[in-house]
């Protein structure tokens, strides 16, 4: 890539869940600067309408492109299911990477023939999830749970709390009784509670985090377009439509950031503006 800085990668989610993807992107593509938007004014996206999620996703994408992003990662399973196809049509010159529930590798690797998927209602109801199950999980029993309230616990930083444990035990114990040997994380928030999930399911059950595969796809698209080869010249940047101080706390807790660059955004109707 010509110029002094490697291509900037834009990333967004309804909240801090997409930071699990940021973590994977940093490992895979350390030379690229990341810009992240957490739409915490609207978290969680799961219960919202398709039209709302598409509108939020479109405006956040416009903001990231205006900030110089060359590729956009939709680090939210709900937004990917609801808006990814729409975004590719609306921004045809921009490469996008979305989240797809990792049912395919789970179906390929299961020995018991029973896998569990943890995701939001919107993900389970979307055409993308139904298509993945139909294409790749023939002959495999797929058990599902929406883990109500878990995103809220993770947003609050209660990764080992009593309520998070209760939610996960309620979801996973019936699956264990039916013989799962693989758990698919269908929400980007959920990798932050992998240690708690592993405590509950034990070492014989494999937990699949989709974030590394997303980072590999981003690397592939950047290489395909000749957008690699330079180095970063500036630090990563993070914005939220909620409270920047709360986001800073999350960055410190989830990513170990000592002095993250955070800023505020405000929704004015369906448009975003930077808070001074």
C-alpha atoms as a PDB file:
ATOM      1  CA  UNK A   1       0.000   0.000   0.000  1.00  0.00           C
ATOM      2  CA  UNK A   2       1.228   3.445  -0.900  1.00  0.00           C
ATOM      3  CA  UNK A   3       1.585   6.014   1.847  1.00  0.00           C
ATOM      4  CA  UNK A   4       2.932   5.998   5.369  1.00  0.00           C
ATOM      5  CA  UNK A   5       0.083   4.256   7.179  1.00  0.00           C
ATOM      6  CA  UNK A   6      -1.540   0.875   6.699  1.00  0.00           C
ATOM      7  CA  UNK A   7      -5.246   0.826   5.894  1.00  0.00           C
ATOM      8  CA  UNK A   8      -7.526   1.746   8.769  1.00  0.00           C
ATOM      9  CA  UNK A   9     -10.061  -0.883   9.869  1.00  0.00           C
ATOM     10  CA  UNK A  10     -13.443   0.286  11.128  1.00  0.00           C
ATOM     11  CA  UNK A  11     -15.270  -1.924  13.630  1.00  0.00           C
ATOM     12  CA  UNK A  12     -18.685  -1.509  15.236  1.00  0.00           C
ATOM     13  CA  UNK A  13     -21.067  -3.241  17.618  1.00  0.00           C
ATOM     14  CA  UNK A  14     -24.042  -2.327  19.766  1.00  0.00           C
ATOM     15  CA  UNK A  15     -21.729  -2.323  22.780  1.00  0.00           C
ATOM     16  CA  UNK A  16     -18.443  -3.746  24.003  1.00  0.00           C
ATOM     17  CA  UNK A  17     -18.913  -7.260  22.605  1.00  0.00           C
ATOM     18  CA  UNK A  18     -17.089  -6.348  19.415  1.00  0.00           C
ATOM     19  CA  UNK A  19     -13.972  -5.780  21.484  1.00  0.00           C
ATOM     20  CA  UNK A  20     -13.535  -9.559  21.318  1.00  0.00           C
ATOM     21  CA  UNK A  21     -13.109  -9.050  17.565  1.00  0.00           C
ATOM     22  CA  UNK A  22     -10.776  -6.095  18.158  1.00  0.00           C
ATOM     23  CA  UNK A  23      -8.619  -8.414  20.268  1.00  0.00           C
ATOM     24  CA  UNK A  24      -8.408 -10.922  17.392  1.00  0.00           C
ATOM     25  CA  UNK A  25      -7.761  -8.198  14.788  1.00  0.00           C
ATOM     26  CA  UNK A  26      -4.872  -6.848  16.846  1.00  0.00           C
ATOM     27  CA  UNK A  27      -3.316 -10.296  16.980  1.00  0.00           C
ATOM     28  CA  UNK A  28      -3.791 -10.935  13.259  1.00  0.00           C
ATOM     29  CA  UNK A  29      -3.146  -7.422  11.903  1.00  0.00           C
ATOM     30  CA  UNK A  30      -1.037  -5.488  14.437  1.00  0.00           C
ATOM     31  CA  UNK A  31       0.180  -3.014  11.829  1.00  0.00           C
ATOM     32  CA  UNK A  32      -3.337  -1.698  11.132  1.00  0.00           C
ATOM     33  CA  UNK A  33      -5.010   1.072  13.093  1.00  0.00           C
ATOM     34  CA  UNK A  34      -8.498   0.267  14.382  1.00  0.00           C
ATOM     35  CA  UNK A  35     -11.441   2.613  14.870  1.00  0.00           C
ATOM     36  CA  UNK A  36     -14.283   1.254  16.965  1.00  0.00           C
ATOM     37  CA  UNK A  37     -17.835   2.484  17.538  1.00  0.00           C
ATOM     38  CA  UNK A  38     -19.925   1.111  20.403  1.00  0.00           C
ATOM     39  CA  UNK A  39     -23.567   2.105  19.933  1.00  0.00           C
ATOM     40  CA  UNK A  40     -24.270   1.878  23.645  1.00  0.00           C
ATOM     41  CA  UNK A  41     -27.217   4.263  23.376  1.00  0.00           C
ATOM     42  CA  UNK A  42     -29.037   1.393  21.656  1.00  0.00           C
ATOM     43  CA  UNK A  43     -27.515  -1.719  23.265  1.00  0.00           C
ATOM     44  CA  UNK A  44     -28.611  -4.463  22.878  1.00  0.00           C
ATOM     45  CA  UNK A  45     -29.592  -4.663  19.211  1.00  0.00           C
ATOM     46  CA  UNK A  46     -31.200  -8.087  19.674  1.00  0.00           C
ATOM     47  CA  UNK A  47     -34.767  -6.950  20.520  1.00  0.00           C
ATOM     48  CA  UNK A  48     -34.795  -4.104  17.958  1.00  0.00           C
ATOM     49  CA  UNK A  49     -36.495  -4.116  14.577  1.00  0.00           C
ATOM     50  CA  UNK A  50     -34.708  -4.964  11.347  1.00  0.00           C
ATOM     51  CA  UNK A  51     -35.286  -1.428  10.066  1.00  0.00           C
ATOM     52  CA  UNK A  52     -33.780   0.143  13.191  1.00  0.00           C
ATOM     53  CA  UNK A  53     -30.656  -2.021  13.127  1.00  0.00           C
ATOM     54  CA  UNK A  54     -30.162  -1.314   9.415  1.00  0.00           C
ATOM     55  CA  UNK A  55     -30.474   2.423  10.023  1.00  0.00           C
ATOM     56  CA  UNK A  56     -28.008   2.399  12.929  1.00  0.00           C
ATOM     57  CA  UNK A  57     -25.552   0.229  10.977  1.00  0.00           C
ATOM     58  CA  UNK A  58     -25.711   2.436   7.894  1.00  0.00           C
ATOM     59  CA  UNK A  59     -25.039   5.636   9.792  1.00  0.00           C
ATOM     60  CA  UNK A  60     -22.196   4.126  11.842  1.00  0.00           C
ATOM     61  CA  UNK A  61     -20.639   2.865   8.611  1.00  0.00           C
ATOM     62  CA  UNK A  62     -20.850   6.360   7.115  1.00  0.00           C
ATOM     63  CA  UNK A  63     -19.122   7.743  10.190  1.00  0.00           C
ATOM     64  CA  UNK A  64     -16.308   5.184  10.046  1.00  0.00           C
ATOM     65  CA  UNK A  65     -15.743   5.778   6.337  1.00  0.00           C
ATOM     66  CA  UNK A  66     -15.626   9.539   6.962  1.00  0.00           C
ATOM     67  CA  UNK A  67     -12.912   8.843   9.555  1.00  0.00           C
ATOM     68  CA  UNK A  68     -10.849   7.038   6.917  1.00  0.00           C
ATOM     69  CA  UNK A  69     -11.770   3.378   7.333  1.00  0.00           C
ATOM     70  CA  UNK A  70     -10.872   1.278   4.290  1.00  0.00           C
ATOM     71  CA  UNK A  71     -12.627  -1.881   5.512  1.00  0.00           C
ATOM     72  CA  UNK A  72     -15.530  -2.284   7.948  1.00  0.00           C
ATOM     73  CA  UNK A  73     -16.009  -5.193  10.328  1.00  0.00           C
ATOM     74  CA  UNK A  74     -19.595  -5.605  11.535  1.00  0.00           C
ATOM     75  CA  UNK A  75     -18.588  -7.074  14.905  1.00  0.00           C
ATOM     76  CA  UNK A  76     -22.155  -7.827  15.938  1.00  0.00           C
ATOM     77  CA  UNK A  77     -24.084 -10.973  15.063  1.00  0.00           C
ATOM     78  CA  UNK A  78     -27.437  -9.187  15.178  1.00  0.00           C
ATOM     79  CA  UNK A  79     -26.282  -6.369  12.886  1.00  0.00           C
ATOM     80  CA  UNK A  80     -24.642  -8.872  10.525  1.00  0.00           C
ATOM     81  CA  UNK A  81     -27.871 -10.852  10.247  1.00  0.00           C
ATOM     82  CA  UNK A  82     -30.018  -7.755   9.840  1.00  0.00           C
ATOM     83  CA  UNK A  83     -27.863  -5.345   7.861  1.00  0.00           C
ATOM     84  CA  UNK A  84     -24.793  -6.888   6.220  1.00  0.00           C
ATOM     85  CA  UNK A  85     -26.404  -7.483   2.826  1.00  0.00           C
ATOM     86  CA  UNK A  86     -27.951  -4.007   2.958  1.00  0.00           C
ATOM     87  CA  UNK A  87     -24.568  -2.414   3.795  1.00  0.00           C
ATOM     88  CA  UNK A  88     -22.840  -4.147   0.882  1.00  0.00           C
ATOM     89  CA  UNK A  89     -25.493  -2.772  -1.472  1.00  0.00           C
ATOM     90  CA  UNK A  90     -25.393   0.726   0.029  1.00  0.00           C
ATOM     91  CA  UNK A  91     -21.562   0.934   0.065  1.00  0.00           C
ATOM     92  CA  UNK A  92     -20.470  -1.153  -2.946  1.00  0.00           C
ATOM     93  CA  UNK A  93     -16.869   0.103  -2.907  1.00  0.00           C
ATOM     94  CA  UNK A  94     -16.283  -0.858   0.732  1.00  0.00           C
ATOM     95  CA  UNK A  95     -15.249  -4.372   1.773  1.00  0.00           C
ATOM     96  CA  UNK A  96     -17.236  -5.673   4.755  1.00  0.00           C
ATOM     97  CA  UNK A  97     -16.630  -8.576   7.103  1.00  0.00           C
ATOM     98  CA  UNK A  98     -19.561  -9.796   9.177  1.00  0.00           C
ATOM     99  CA  UNK A  99     -20.235 -12.348  11.864  1.00  0.00           C
ATOM    100  CA  UNK A 100     -21.596 -15.775  10.967  1.00  0.00           C
ATOM    101  CA  UNK A 101     -22.437 -18.323  13.681  1.00  0.00           C
ATOM    102  CA  UNK A 102     -19.677 -20.946  13.553  1.00  0.00           C
ATOM    103  CA  UNK A 103     -22.085 -23.835  13.008  1.00  0.00           C
ATOM    104  CA  UNK A 104     -20.031 -25.259  10.130  1.00  0.00           C
ATOM    105  CA  UNK A 105     -16.830 -25.986  12.118  1.00  0.00           C
ATOM    106  CA  UNK A 106     -18.923 -27.204  15.037  1.00  0.00           C
ATOM    107  CA  UNK A 107     -20.809 -29.654  12.809  1.00  0.00           C
ATOM    108  CA  UNK A 108     -17.552 -30.838  11.238  1.00  0.00           C
ATOM    109  CA  UNK A 109     -15.782 -31.400  14.560  1.00  0.00           C
ATOM    110  CA  UNK A 110     -18.505 -32.785  16.819  1.00  0.00           C
ATOM    111  CA  UNK A 111     -18.143 -36.412  17.816  1.00  0.00           C
ATOM    112  CA  UNK A 112     -21.385 -36.721  19.751  1.00  0.00           C
ATOM    113  CA  UNK A 113     -23.436 -35.189  16.932  1.00  0.00           C
ATOM    114  CA  UNK A 114     -24.917 -32.619  19.339  1.00  0.00           C
ATOM    115  CA  UNK A 115     -23.801 -28.959  19.427  1.00  0.00           C
ATOM    116  CA  UNK A 116     -25.063 -25.977  21.371  1.00  0.00           C
ATOM    117  CA  UNK A 117     -25.389 -22.424  20.058  1.00  0.00           C
ATOM    118  CA  UNK A 118     -25.634 -19.359  22.315  1.00  0.00           C
ATOM    119  CA  UNK A 119     -26.899 -16.253  20.516  1.00  0.00           C
ATOM    120  CA  UNK A 120     -29.485 -13.454  20.613  1.00  0.00           C
ATOM    121  CA  UNK A 121     -33.092 -13.935  19.450  1.00  0.00           C
ATOM    122  CA  UNK A 122     -32.464 -11.765  16.385  1.00  0.00           C
ATOM    123  CA  UNK A 123     -29.587 -13.991  15.288  1.00  0.00           C
ATOM    124  CA  UNK A 124     -31.654 -17.155  15.655  1.00  0.00           C
ATOM    125  CA  UNK A 125     -34.568 -15.590  13.761  1.00  0.00           C
ATOM    126  CA  UNK A 126     -32.417 -14.310  10.889  1.00  0.00           C
ATOM    127  CA  UNK A 127     -32.131 -15.903   7.464  1.00  0.00           C
ATOM    128  CA  UNK A 128     -28.329 -16.151   7.796  1.00  0.00           C
ATOM    129  CA  UNK A 129     -28.485 -18.484  10.777  1.00  0.00           C
ATOM    130  CA  UNK A 130     -31.188 -20.655   9.190  1.00  0.00           C
ATOM    131  CA  UNK A 131     -29.125 -20.882   6.007  1.00  0.00           C
ATOM    132  CA  UNK A 132     -25.946 -21.902   7.868  1.00  0.00           C
ATOM    133  CA  UNK A 133     -27.765 -24.624   9.808  1.00  0.00           C
ATOM    134  CA  UNK A 134     -29.471 -25.924   6.661  1.00  0.00           C
ATOM    135  CA  UNK A 135     -26.233 -26.025   4.664  1.00  0.00           C
ATOM    136  CA  UNK A 136     -23.781 -27.344   7.222  1.00  0.00           C
ATOM    137  CA  UNK A 137     -25.613 -29.090  10.078  1.00  0.00           C
ATOM    138  CA  UNK A 138     -27.462 -31.875   8.311  1.00  0.00           C
ATOM    139  CA  UNK A 139     -27.460 -34.920  10.575  1.00  0.00           C
ATOM    140  CA  UNK A 140     -26.354 -32.867  13.603  1.00  0.00           C
ATOM    141  CA  UNK A 141     -28.599 -31.918  16.512  1.00  0.00           C
ATOM    142  CA  UNK A 142     -28.323 -28.161  17.107  1.00  0.00           C
ATOM    143  CA  UNK A 143     -29.541 -26.898  20.494  1.00  0.00           C
ATOM    144  CA  UNK A 144     -30.123 -23.181  21.025  1.00  0.00           C
ATOM    145  CA  UNK A 145     -30.388 -20.701  23.884  1.00  0.00           C
ATOM    146  CA  UNK A 146     -30.724 -16.907  23.873  1.00  0.00           C
ATOM    147  CA  UNK A 147     -29.116 -16.348  27.316  1.00  0.00           C
ATOM    148  CA  UNK A 148     -31.458 -13.475  28.279  1.00  0.00           C
ATOM    149  CA  UNK A 149     -29.625 -10.814  30.270  1.00  0.00           C
ATOM    150  CA  UNK A 150     -26.093 -12.032  29.558  1.00  0.00           C
ATOM    151  CA  UNK A 151     -25.185  -9.113  27.285  1.00  0.00           C
ATOM    152  CA  UNK A 152     -26.249  -6.723  30.063  1.00  0.00           C
ATOM    153  CA  UNK A 153     -23.978  -8.491  32.568  1.00  0.00           C
ATOM    154  CA  UNK A 154     -21.004  -8.357  30.183  1.00  0.00           C
ATOM    155  CA  UNK A 155     -21.625  -4.681  29.375  1.00  0.00           C
ATOM    156  CA  UNK A 156     -21.501  -4.033  33.121  1.00  0.00           C
ATOM    157  CA  UNK A 157     -18.210  -5.935  33.443  1.00  0.00           C
ATOM    158  CA  UNK A 158     -19.668  -8.671  35.644  1.00  0.00           C
ATOM    159  CA  UNK A 159     -17.886 -11.487  33.810  1.00  0.00           C
ATOM    160  CA  UNK A 160     -17.703 -13.830  36.802  1.00  0.00           C
ATOM    161  CA  UNK A 161     -20.790 -12.591  38.607  1.00  0.00           C
ATOM    162  CA  UNK A 162     -23.548 -14.660  40.171  1.00  0.00           C
ATOM    163  CA  UNK A 163     -26.133 -13.602  37.571  1.00  0.00           C
ATOM    164  CA  UNK A 164     -23.887 -14.387  34.588  1.00  0.00           C
ATOM    165  CA  UNK A 165     -23.237 -17.828  36.064  1.00  0.00           C
ATOM    166  CA  UNK A 166     -26.960 -18.406  36.644  1.00  0.00           C
ATOM    167  CA  UNK A 167     -27.801 -17.446  33.042  1.00  0.00           C
ATOM    168  CA  UNK A 168     -25.124 -19.711  31.592  1.00  0.00           C
ATOM    169  CA  UNK A 169     -25.924 -22.653  33.838  1.00  0.00           C
ATOM    170  CA  UNK A 170     -29.613 -22.370  32.897  1.00  0.00           C
ATOM    171  CA  UNK A 171     -28.625 -22.447  29.213  1.00  0.00           C
ATOM    172  CA  UNK A 172     -25.859 -25.048  29.308  1.00  0.00           C
ATOM    173  CA  UNK A 173     -26.967 -27.682  31.810  1.00  0.00           C
ATOM    174  CA  UNK A 174     -29.886 -28.908  29.636  1.00  0.00           C
ATOM    175  CA  UNK A 175     -27.528 -28.999  26.637  1.00  0.00           C
ATOM    176  CA  UNK A 176     -24.990 -31.031  28.600  1.00  0.00           C
ATOM    177  CA  UNK A 177     -27.754 -33.438  29.592  1.00  0.00           C
ATOM    178  CA  UNK A 178     -28.456 -33.960  25.876  1.00  0.00           C
ATOM    179  CA  UNK A 179     -24.821 -34.687  25.043  1.00  0.00           C
ATOM    180  CA  UNK A 180     -23.272 -31.550  23.540  1.00  0.00           C
ATOM    181  CA  UNK A 181     -19.526 -31.683  22.969  1.00  0.00           C
ATOM    182  CA  UNK A 182     -19.248 -28.275  21.263  1.00  0.00           C
ATOM    183  CA  UNK A 183     -20.547 -24.793  22.126  1.00  0.00           C
ATOM    184  CA  UNK A 184     -20.774 -22.098  19.447  1.00  0.00           C
ATOM    185  CA  UNK A 185     -20.667 -18.473  20.609  1.00  0.00           C
ATOM    186  CA  UNK A 186     -23.103 -16.617  18.346  1.00  0.00           C
ATOM    187  CA  UNK A 187     -22.728 -13.209  19.993  1.00  0.00           C
ATOM    188  CA  UNK A 188     -19.522 -11.177  20.099  1.00  0.00           C
ATOM    189  CA  UNK A 189     -20.068 -10.373  23.772  1.00  0.00           C
ATOM    190  CA  UNK A 190     -19.880 -14.013  24.798  1.00  0.00           C
ATOM    191  CA  UNK A 191     -16.129 -14.700  24.285  1.00  0.00           C
ATOM    192  CA  UNK A 192     -15.494 -12.514  27.337  1.00  0.00           C
ATOM    193  CA  UNK A 193     -17.191 -15.163  29.509  1.00  0.00           C
ATOM    194  CA  UNK A 194     -15.371 -18.154  27.964  1.00  0.00           C
ATOM    195  CA  UNK A 195     -13.605 -18.888  31.290  1.00  0.00           C
ATOM    196  CA  UNK A 196     -17.000 -19.097  33.016  1.00  0.00           C
ATOM    197  CA  UNK A 197     -18.466 -21.219  30.204  1.00  0.00           C
ATOM    198  CA  UNK A 198     -15.490 -23.592  30.419  1.00  0.00           C
ATOM    199  CA  UNK A 199     -15.972 -23.917  34.167  1.00  0.00           C
ATOM    200  CA  UNK A 200     -19.574 -24.995  33.571  1.00  0.00           C
ATOM    201  CA  UNK A 201     -19.116 -27.350  30.591  1.00  0.00           C
ATOM    202  CA  UNK A 202     -15.770 -28.876  31.530  1.00  0.00           C
ATOM    203  CA  UNK A 203     -12.698 -29.663  29.458  1.00  0.00           C
ATOM    204  CA  UNK A 204     -14.423 -32.271  27.264  1.00  0.00           C
ATOM    205  CA  UNK A 205     -16.604 -29.628  25.572  1.00  0.00           C
ATOM    206  CA  UNK A 206     -15.044 -27.404  22.904  1.00  0.00           C
ATOM    207  CA  UNK A 207     -15.966 -23.699  22.876  1.00  0.00           C
ATOM    208  CA  UNK A 208     -15.777 -21.971  19.477  1.00  0.00           C
ATOM    209  CA  UNK A 209     -15.008 -18.239  19.362  1.00  0.00           C
ATOM    210  CA  UNK A 210     -15.616 -16.898  15.824  1.00  0.00           C
ATOM    211  CA  UNK A 211     -13.422 -13.810  16.253  1.00  0.00           C
ATOM    212  CA  UNK A 212     -10.134 -15.325  14.950  1.00  0.00           C
ATOM    213  CA  UNK A 213     -11.865 -16.440  11.723  1.00  0.00           C
ATOM    214  CA  UNK A 214     -13.245 -12.912  11.264  1.00  0.00           C
ATOM    215  CA  UNK A 215      -9.756 -11.456  11.680  1.00  0.00           C
ATOM    216  CA  UNK A 216      -8.374 -13.901   9.101  1.00  0.00           C
ATOM    217  CA  UNK A 217     -11.096 -12.873   6.624  1.00  0.00           C
ATOM    218  CA  UNK A 218     -10.263  -9.195   7.182  1.00  0.00           C
ATOM    219  CA  UNK A 219      -6.596  -9.948   6.506  1.00  0.00           C
ATOM    220  CA  UNK A 220      -7.545 -11.796   3.310  1.00  0.00           C
ATOM    221  CA  UNK A 221      -9.662  -8.907   1.993  1.00  0.00           C
ATOM    222  CA  UNK A 222      -6.977  -6.321   2.796  1.00  0.00           C
ATOM    223  CA  UNK A 223      -4.320  -8.383   1.019  1.00  0.00           C
ATOM    224  CA  UNK A 224      -6.645  -8.960  -1.942  1.00  0.00           C
ATOM    225  CA  UNK A 225      -7.042  -5.201  -2.353  1.00  0.00           C
ATOM    226  CA  UNK A 226      -3.374  -4.394  -1.832  1.00  0.00           C
ATOM    227  CA  UNK A 227      -4.053  -2.598   1.448  1.00  0.00           C
ATOM    228  CA  UNK A 228      -1.229  -4.153   3.453  1.00  0.00           C
ATOM    229  CA  UNK A 229       2.484  -3.491   3.727  1.00  0.00           C
ATOM    230  CA  UNK A 230       2.710  -0.153   5.542  1.00  0.00           C
ATOM    231  CA  UNK A 231       2.732   0.466   9.298  1.00  0.00           C
ATOM    232  CA  UNK A 232       0.406   2.234  11.673  1.00  0.00           C
ATOM    233  CA  UNK A 233       1.336   5.801  12.619  1.00  0.00           C
ATOM    234  CA  UNK A 234      -1.426   6.528  15.164  1.00  0.00           C
ATOM    235  CA  UNK A 235      -3.059   4.643  18.050  1.00  0.00           C
ATOM    236  CA  UNK A 236      -6.440   2.947  17.864  1.00  0.00           C
ATOM    237  CA  UNK A 237      -9.488   5.121  18.513  1.00  0.00           C
ATOM    238  CA  UNK A 238     -12.743   4.238  20.276  1.00  0.00           C
ATOM    239  CA  UNK A 239     -16.089   6.045  20.294  1.00  0.00           C
ATOM    240  CA  UNK A 240     -19.364   5.393  22.065  1.00  0.00           C
ATOM    241  CA  UNK A 241     -22.876   6.776  21.799  1.00  0.00           C
ATOM    242  CA  UNK A 242     -23.059   6.176  25.547  1.00  0.00           C
ATOM    243  CA  UNK A 243     -20.693   7.348  28.289  1.00  0.00           C
ATOM    244  CA  UNK A 244     -17.015   7.579  27.219  1.00  0.00           C
ATOM    245  CA  UNK A 245     -15.836   7.052  30.812  1.00  0.00           C
ATOM    246  CA  UNK A 246     -17.768   3.774  30.995  1.00  0.00           C
ATOM    247  CA  UNK A 247     -16.279   2.672  27.686  1.00  0.00           C
ATOM    248  CA  UNK A 248     -12.805   3.510  28.990  1.00  0.00           C
ATOM    249  CA  UNK A 249     -13.435   1.290  32.017  1.00  0.00           C
ATOM    250  CA  UNK A 250     -14.527  -1.531  29.686  1.00  0.00           C
ATOM    251  CA  UNK A 251     -11.430  -1.139  27.527  1.00  0.00           C
ATOM    252  CA  UNK A 252      -9.245  -1.366  30.593  1.00  0.00           C
ATOM    253  CA  UNK A 253     -11.117  -4.404  31.935  1.00  0.00           C
ATOM    254  CA  UNK A 254     -11.570  -6.331  28.666  1.00  0.00           C
ATOM    255  CA  UNK A 255      -8.484  -5.389  26.647  1.00  0.00           C
ATOM    256  CA  UNK A 256      -6.058  -4.193  29.302  1.00  0.00           C
ATOM    257  CA  UNK A 257      -5.855  -0.700  27.770  1.00  0.00           C
ATOM    258  CA  UNK A 258      -3.984   1.647  30.069  1.00  0.00           C
ATOM    259  CA  UNK A 259      -4.804   4.939  28.330  1.00  0.00           C
ATOM    260  CA  UNK A 260      -7.301   4.294  25.499  1.00  0.00           C
ATOM    261  CA  UNK A 261      -8.345   7.125  23.211  1.00  0.00           C
ATOM    262  CA  UNK A 262     -12.095   7.379  23.693  1.00  0.00           C
ATOM    263  CA  UNK A 263     -14.644   9.877  22.477  1.00  0.00           C
ATOM    264  CA  UNK A 264     -18.363  10.494  22.516  1.00  0.00           C
ATOM    265  CA  UNK A 265     -20.905  10.396  19.711  1.00  0.00           C
ATOM    266  CA  UNK A 266     -24.482  11.651  19.825  1.00  0.00           C
ATOM    267  CA  UNK A 267     -27.503  10.533  17.832  1.00  0.00           C
ATOM    268  CA  UNK A 268     -29.485  13.422  16.350  1.00  0.00           C
ATOM    269  CA  UNK A 269     -32.423  11.538  14.936  1.00  0.00           C
ATOM    270  CA  UNK A 270     -30.783   9.035  12.598  1.00  0.00           C
ATOM    271  CA  UNK A 271     -27.520  10.989  12.223  1.00  0.00           C
ATOM    272  CA  UNK A 272     -24.334  10.798  14.293  1.00  0.00           C
ATOM    273  CA  UNK A 273     -22.237  13.711  15.461  1.00  0.00           C
ATOM    274  CA  UNK A 274     -19.085  13.925  17.570  1.00  0.00           C
ATOM    275  CA  UNK A 275     -19.519  15.238  21.093  1.00  0.00           C
ATOM    276  CA  UNK A 276     -17.033  18.042  21.784  1.00  0.00           C
END
